[in-house]
PDB file of all heavy atoms in Angstrom:
ATOM      1  N   ASP A   1      51.762  31.415  21.377  1.00  0.00           N
ATOM      2  CA  ASP A   1      51.852  32.874  21.483  1.00  0.00           C
ATOM      3  C   ASP A   1      52.011  33.444  20.079  1.00  0.00           C
ATOM      4  O   ASP A   1      52.963  33.082  19.372  1.00  0.00           O
ATOM      5  CB  ASP A   1      53.058  33.247  22.355  1.00  0.00           C
ATOM      6  CG  ASP A   1      53.096  34.713  22.725  1.00  0.00           C
ATOM      7  OD1 ASP A   1      52.739  35.558  21.866  1.00  0.00           O
ATOM      8  OD2 ASP A   1      53.484  35.013  23.853  1.00  0.00           O
ATOM      9  N   ILE A   2      51.109  34.323  19.665  1.00  0.00           N
ATOM     10  CA  ILE A   2      51.160  34.821  18.282  1.00  0.00           C
ATOM     11  C   ILE A   2      52.333  35.755  18.014  1.00  0.00           C
ATOM     12  O   ILE A   2      52.539  36.150  16.875  1.00  0.00           O
ATOM     13  CB  ILE A   2      49.839  35.492  17.835  1.00  0.00           C
ATOM     14  CG1 ILE A   2      49.553  36.769  18.603  1.00  0.00           C
ATOM     15  CG2 ILE A   2      48.698  34.525  17.889  1.00  0.00           C
ATOM     16  CD1 ILE A   2      48.455  37.609  17.975  1.00  0.00           C
ATOM     17  N   THR A   3      53.103  36.083  19.040  1.00  0.00           N
ATOM     18  CA  THR A   3      54.329  36.847  18.766  1.00  0.00           C
ATOM     19  C   THR A   3      55.352  35.956  18.075  1.00  0.00           C
ATOM     20  O   THR A   3      56.324  36.456  17.516  1.00  0.00           O
ATOM     21  CB  THR A   3      54.929  37.472  20.040  1.00  0.00           C
ATOM     22  OG1 THR A   3      55.299  36.440  20.953  1.00  0.00           O
ATOM     23  CG2 THR A   3      53.942  38.430  20.689  1.00  0.00           C
ATOM     24  N   ASP A   4      55.129  34.640  18.099  1.00  0.00           N
ATOM     25  CA  ASP A   4      55.937  33.674  17.341  1.00  0.00           C
ATOM     26  C   ASP A   4      55.134  33.239  16.127  1.00  0.00           C
ATOM     27  O   ASP A   4      53.942  32.918  16.259  1.00  0.00           O
ATOM     28  CB  ASP A   4      56.268  32.448  18.204  1.00  0.00           C
ATOM     29  CG  ASP A   4      57.100  32.799  19.420  1.00  0.00           C
ATOM     30  OD1 ASP A   4      58.018  33.631  19.294  1.00  0.00           O
ATOM     31  OD2 ASP A   4      56.832  32.234  20.501  1.00  0.00           O
ATOM     32  N   PRO A   5      55.761  33.202  14.963  1.00  0.00           N
ATOM     33  CA  PRO A   5      55.024  32.792  13.753  1.00  0.00           C
ATOM     34  C   PRO A   5      54.475  31.373  13.888  1.00  0.00           C
ATOM     35  O   PRO A   5      55.012  30.545  14.633  1.00  0.00           O
ATOM     36  CB  PRO A   5      56.083  32.853  12.649  1.00  0.00           C
ATOM     37  CG  PRO A   5      57.140  33.757  13.174  1.00  0.00           C
ATOM     38  CD  PRO A   5      57.144  33.571  14.665  1.00  0.00           C
ATOM     39  N   ILE A   6      53.413  31.105  13.166  1.00  0.00           N
ATOM     40  CA  ILE A   6      52.834  29.765  13.112  1.00  0.00           C
ATOM     41  C   ILE A   6      52.341  29.539  11.691  1.00  0.00           C
ATOM     42  O   ILE A   6      51.888  30.468  11.019  1.00  0.00           O
ATOM     43  CB  ILE A   6      51.682  29.596  14.135  1.00  0.00           C
ATOM     44  CG1 ILE A   6      51.257  28.133  14.222  1.00  0.00           C
ATOM     45  CG2 ILE A   6      50.530  30.534  13.838  1.00  0.00           C
ATOM     46  CD1 ILE A   6      50.383  27.809  15.412  1.00  0.00           C
ATOM     47  N   LYS A   7      52.483  28.303  11.231  1.00  0.00           N
ATOM     48  CA  LYS A   7      52.035  27.954   9.886  1.00  0.00           C
ATOM     49  C   LYS A   7      50.837  27.028   9.997  1.00  0.00           C
ATOM     50  O   LYS A   7      50.938  25.931  10.530  1.00  0.00           O
ATOM     51  CB  LYS A   7      53.159  27.291   9.101  1.00  0.00           C
ATOM     52  CG  LYS A   7      54.283  28.245   8.785  1.00  0.00           C
ATOM     53  CD  LYS A   7      55.327  27.612   7.914  1.00  0.00           C
ATOM     54  CE  LYS A   7      56.414  28.632   7.616  1.00  0.00           C
ATOM     55  NZ  LYS A   7      57.483  28.063   6.801  1.00  0.00           N
ATOM     56  N   LEU A   8      49.718  27.497   9.516  1.00  0.00           N
ATOM     57  CA  LEU A   8      48.471  26.741   9.504  1.00  0.00           C
ATOM     58  C   LEU A   8      47.794  26.947   8.159  1.00  0.00           C
ATOM     59  O   LEU A   8      48.066  27.922   7.464  1.00  0.00           O
ATOM     60  CB  LEU A   8      47.532  27.225  10.618  1.00  0.00           C
ATOM     61  CG  LEU A   8      48.012  27.076  12.056  1.00  0.00           C
ATOM     62  CD1 LEU A   8      47.114  27.863  12.999  1.00  0.00           C
ATOM     63  CD2 LEU A   8      48.044  25.614  12.454  1.00  0.00           C
ATOM     64  N   GLU A   9      46.891  26.057   7.832  1.00  0.00           N
ATOM     65  CA  GLU A   9      46.070  26.208   6.633  1.00  0.00           C
ATOM     66  C   GLU A   9      44.660  26.565   7.094  1.00  0.00           C
ATOM     67  O   GLU A   9      43.980  25.736   7.700  1.00  0.00           O
ATOM     68  CB  GLU A   9      46.051  24.910   5.818  1.00  0.00           C
ATOM     69  CG  GLU A   9      47.394  24.528   5.238  1.00  0.00           C
ATOM     70  CD  GLU A   9      47.892  25.512   4.188  1.00  0.00           C
ATOM     71  OE1 GLU A   9      47.058  26.022   3.406  1.00  0.00           O
ATOM     72  OE2 GLU A   9      49.103  25.771   4.164  1.00  0.00           O
ATOM     73  N   VAL A  10      44.242  27.788   6.841  1.00  0.00           N
ATOM     74  CA  VAL A  10      42.923  28.248   7.260  1.00  0.00           C
ATOM     75  C   VAL A  10      42.294  29.099   6.168  1.00  0.00           C
ATOM     76  O   VAL A  10      42.979  29.601   5.283  1.00  0.00           O
ATOM     77  CB  VAL A  10      42.995  29.053   8.587  1.00  0.00           C
ATOM     78  CG1 VAL A  10      43.449  28.163   9.730  1.00  0.00           C
ATOM     79  CG2 VAL A  10      43.890  30.264   8.469  1.00  0.00           C
ATOM     80  N   ASP A  11      40.972  29.258   6.276  1.00  0.00           N
ATOM     81  CA  ASP A  11      40.232  30.081   5.321  1.00  0.00           C
ATOM     82  C   ASP A  11      39.979  31.491   5.847  1.00  0.00           C
ATOM     83  O   ASP A  11      39.834  32.425   5.072  1.00  0.00           O
ATOM     84  CB  ASP A  11      38.885  29.430   4.994  1.00  0.00           C
ATOM     85  CG  ASP A  11      39.057  28.046   4.395  1.00  0.00           C
ATOM     86  OD1 ASP A  11      39.803  27.920   3.406  1.00  0.00           O
ATOM     87  OD2 ASP A  11      38.457  27.088   4.931  1.00  0.00           O
ATOM     88  N   GLN A  12      39.880  31.604   7.170  1.00  0.00           N
ATOM     89  CA  GLN A  12      39.620  32.906   7.792  1.00  0.00           C
ATOM     90  C   GLN A  12      40.419  33.016   9.083  1.00  0.00           C
ATOM     91  O   GLN A  12      40.704  32.002   9.723  1.00  0.00           O
ATOM     92  CB  GLN A  12      38.137  33.081   8.145  1.00  0.00           C
ATOM     93  CG  GLN A  12      37.225  33.204   6.979  1.00  0.00           C
ATOM     94  CD  GLN A  12      35.768  33.374   7.423  1.00  0.00           C
ATOM     95  OE1 GLN A  12      35.438  33.338   8.600  1.00  0.00           O
ATOM     96  NE2 GLN A  12      34.887  33.557   6.448  1.00  0.00           N
ATOM     97  N   ILE A  13      40.741  34.255   9.450  1.00  0.00           N
ATOM     98  CA  ILE A  13      41.441  34.525  10.715  1.00  0.00           C
ATOM     99  C   ILE A  13      40.713  35.645  11.438  1.00  0.00           C
ATOM    100  O   ILE A  13      40.420  36.683  10.853  1.00  0.00           O
ATOM    101  CB  ILE A  13      42.904  34.958  10.469  1.00  0.00           C
ATOM    102  CG1 ILE A  13      43.669  33.883   9.703  1.00  0.00           C
ATOM    103  CG2 ILE A  13      43.599  35.288  11.790  1.00  0.00           C
ATOM    104  CD1 ILE A  13      45.033  34.336   9.195  1.00  0.00           C
ATOM    105  N   TYR A  14      40.412  35.392  12.711  1.00  0.00           N
ATOM    106  CA  TYR A  14      39.894  36.424  13.595  1.00  0.00           C
ATOM    107  C   TYR A  14      40.960  36.646  14.660  1.00  0.00           C
ATOM    108  O   TYR A  14      41.226  35.744  15.455  1.00  0.00           O
ATOM    109  CB  TYR A  14      38.588  35.982  14.274  1.00  0.00           C
ATOM    110  CG  TYR A  14      37.416  35.862  13.344  1.00  0.00           C
ATOM    111  CD1 TYR A  14      37.210  34.716  12.589  1.00  0.00           C
ATOM    112  CD2 TYR A  14      36.498  36.899  13.232  1.00  0.00           C
ATOM    113  CE1 TYR A  14      36.128  34.600  11.740  1.00  0.00           C
ATOM    114  CE2 TYR A  14      35.411  36.796  12.388  1.00  0.00           C
ATOM    115  CZ  TYR A  14      35.235  35.643  11.638  1.00  0.00           C
ATOM    116  OH  TYR A  14      34.150  35.526  10.802  1.00  0.00           O
ATOM    117  N   ASN A  15      41.583  37.820  14.664  1.00  0.00           N
ATOM    118  CA  ASN A  15      42.649  38.109  15.619  1.00  0.00           C
ATOM    119  C   ASN A  15      42.062  38.803  16.847  1.00  0.00           C
ATOM    120  O   ASN A  15      41.832  40.000  16.842  1.00  0.00           O
ATOM    121  CB  ASN A  15      43.740  38.966  14.976  1.00  0.00           C
ATOM    122  CG  ASN A  15      44.913  39.182  15.891  1.00  0.00           C
ATOM    123  OD1 ASN A  15      45.083  38.476  16.875  1.00  0.00           O
ATOM    124  ND2 ASN A  15      45.730  40.158  15.569  1.00  0.00           N
ATOM    125  N   MET A  16      41.837  38.015  17.898  1.00  0.00           N
ATOM    126  CA  MET A  16      41.273  38.528  19.141  1.00  0.00           C
ATOM    127  C   MET A  16      42.316  38.559  20.258  1.00  0.00           C
ATOM    128  O   MET A  16      41.983  38.789  21.414  1.00  0.00           O
ATOM    129  CB  MET A  16      40.099  37.636  19.588  1.00  0.00           C
ATOM    130  CG  MET A  16      39.082  37.339  18.507  1.00  0.00           C
ATOM    131  SD  MET A  16      38.271  38.785  17.878  1.00  0.00           S
ATOM    132  CE  MET A  16      37.109  39.070  19.162  1.00  0.00           C
ATOM    133  N   ALA A  17      43.561  38.281  19.923  1.00  0.00           N
ATOM    134  CA  ALA A  17      44.605  38.158  20.938  1.00  0.00           C
ATOM    135  C   ALA A  17      45.083  39.530  21.404  1.00  0.00           C
ATOM    136  O   ALA A  17      45.658  40.285  20.636  1.00  0.00           O
ATOM    137  CB  ALA A  17      45.790  37.364  20.388  1.00  0.00           C
ATOM    138  N   CYS A  18      44.796  39.828  22.648  1.00  0.00           N
ATOM    139  CA  CYS A  18      45.287  41.054  23.277  1.00  0.00           C
ATOM    140  C   CYS A  18      44.812  41.085  24.724  1.00  0.00           C
ATOM    141  O   CYS A  18      43.645  40.813  24.978  1.00  0.00           O
ATOM    142  CB  CYS A  18      44.771  42.297  22.560  1.00  0.00           C
ATOM    143  SG  CYS A  18      45.339  43.816  23.343  1.00  0.00           S
ATOM    144  N   PRO A  19      45.707  41.395  25.652  1.00  0.00           N
ATOM    145  CA  PRO A  19      45.235  41.600  27.025  1.00  0.00           C
ATOM    146  C   PRO A  19      44.304  42.817  27.026  1.00  0.00           C
ATOM    147  O   PRO A  19      44.752  43.945  26.878  1.00  0.00           O
ATOM    148  CB  PRO A  19      46.510  41.879  27.815  1.00  0.00           C
ATOM    149  CG  PRO A  19      47.632  41.416  26.946  1.00  0.00           C
ATOM    150  CD  PRO A  19      47.141  41.539  25.533  1.00  0.00           C
ATOM    151  N   ALA A  20      43.016  42.581  27.153  1.00  0.00           N
ATOM    152  CA  ALA A  20      42.030  43.638  26.925  1.00  0.00           C
ATOM    153  C   ALA A  20      41.616  44.396  28.181  1.00  0.00           C
ATOM    154  O   ALA A  20      40.732  45.224  28.127  1.00  0.00           O
ATOM    155  CB  ALA A  20      40.794  43.044  26.271  1.00  0.00           C
ATOM    156  N   SER A  21      42.237  44.105  29.301  1.00  0.00           N
ATOM    157  CA  SER A  21      41.890  44.771  30.550  1.00  0.00           C
ATOM    158  C   SER A  21      43.062  45.634  31.006  1.00  0.00           C
ATOM    159  O   SER A  21      44.209  45.206  30.934  1.00  0.00           O
ATOM    160  CB  SER A  21      41.589  43.712  31.613  1.00  0.00           C
ATOM    161  OG  SER A  21      41.731  44.241  32.907  1.00  0.00           O
ATOM    162  N   PRO A  22      42.800  46.840  31.474  1.00  0.00           N
ATOM    163  CA  PRO A  22      43.905  47.697  31.946  1.00  0.00           C
ATOM    164  C   PRO A  22      44.794  47.003  32.983  1.00  0.00           C
ATOM    165  O   PRO A  22      46.010  47.184  32.975  1.00  0.00           O
ATOM    166  CB  PRO A  22      43.189  48.904  32.558  1.00  0.00           C
ATOM    167  CG  PRO A  22      41.891  48.966  31.828  1.00  0.00           C
ATOM    168  CD  PRO A  22      41.514  47.534  31.553  1.00  0.00           C
ATOM    169  N   ILE A  23      44.208  46.184  33.829  1.00  0.00           N
ATOM    170  CA  ILE A  23      45.014  45.463  34.823  1.00  0.00           C
ATOM    171  C   ILE A  23      46.048  44.587  34.129  1.00  0.00           C
ATOM    172  O   ILE A  23      47.199  44.535  34.543  1.00  0.00           O
ATOM    173  CB  ILE A  23      44.106  44.600  35.731  1.00  0.00           C
ATOM    174  CG1 ILE A  23      43.239  45.514  36.602  1.00  0.00           C
ATOM    175  CG2 ILE A  23      44.917  43.640  36.578  1.00  0.00           C
ATOM    176  CD1 ILE A  23      42.135  44.784  37.334  1.00  0.00           C
ATOM    177  N   HIS A  24      45.645  43.920  33.048  1.00  0.00           N
ATOM    178  CA  HIS A  24      46.551  43.020  32.340  1.00  0.00           C
ATOM    179  C   HIS A  24      47.541  43.765  31.452  1.00  0.00           C
ATOM    180  O   HIS A  24      48.724  43.470  31.458  1.00  0.00           O
ATOM    181  CB  HIS A  24      45.765  42.004  31.505  1.00  0.00           C
ATOM    182  CG  HIS A  24      45.045  41.015  32.340  1.00  0.00           C
ATOM    183  ND1 HIS A  24      43.676  40.979  32.423  1.00  0.00           N
ATOM    184  CD2 HIS A  24      45.486  40.043  33.163  1.00  0.00           C
ATOM    185  CE1 HIS A  24      43.310  40.025  33.243  1.00  0.00           C
ATOM    186  NE2 HIS A  24      44.387  39.435  33.709  1.00  0.00           N
ATOM    187  N   TYR A  25      47.059  44.722  30.669  1.00  0.00           N
ATOM    188  CA  TYR A  25      48.006  45.339  29.745  1.00  0.00           C
ATOM    189  C   TYR A  25      48.919  46.333  30.423  1.00  0.00           C
ATOM    190  O   TYR A  25      50.018  46.592  29.961  1.00  0.00           O
ATOM    191  CB  TYR A  25      47.356  45.901  28.480  1.00  0.00           C
ATOM    192  CG  TYR A  25      46.362  47.025  28.611  1.00  0.00           C
ATOM    193  CD1 TYR A  25      46.758  48.301  28.950  1.00  0.00           C
ATOM    194  CD2 TYR A  25      45.021  46.804  28.331  1.00  0.00           C
ATOM    195  CE1 TYR A  25      45.840  49.334  29.031  1.00  0.00           C
ATOM    196  CE2 TYR A  25      44.102  47.834  28.407  1.00  0.00           C
ATOM    197  CZ  TYR A  25      44.517  49.096  28.762  1.00  0.00           C
ATOM    198  OH  TYR A  25      43.616  50.113  28.840  1.00  0.00           O
ATOM    199  N   GLN A  26      48.533  46.881  31.548  1.00  0.00           N
ATOM    200  CA  GLN A  26      49.436  47.771  32.273  1.00  0.00           C
ATOM    201  C   GLN A  26      50.476  46.998  33.070  1.00  0.00           C
ATOM    202  O   GLN A  26      51.561  47.508  33.336  1.00  0.00           O
ATOM    203  CB  GLN A  26      48.643  48.703  33.192  1.00  0.00           C
ATOM    204  CG  GLN A  26      47.856  49.735  32.419  1.00  0.00           C
ATOM    205  CD  GLN A  26      46.958  50.583  33.314  1.00  0.00           C
ATOM    206  OE1 GLN A  26      46.796  50.304  34.490  1.00  0.00           O
ATOM    207  NE2 GLN A  26      46.373  51.612  32.732  1.00  0.00           N
ATOM    208  N   SER A  27      50.176  45.758  33.437  1.00  0.00           N
ATOM    209  CA  SER A  27      51.134  44.973  34.205  1.00  0.00           C
ATOM    210  C   SER A  27      52.320  44.531  33.353  1.00  0.00           C
ATOM    211  O   SER A  27      53.394  44.277  33.870  1.00  0.00           O
ATOM    212  CB  SER A  27      50.466  43.747  34.831  1.00  0.00           C
ATOM    213  OG  SER A  27      50.123  42.817  33.831  1.00  0.00           O
TER     214      SER A  27
END
């Protein structure tokens, strides 16, 4: 869960984490 920090070695980050449907984010 990205609400908890994580340590990784990466070159790029794409942040796609989000409940993207009204059913999910409203719940």
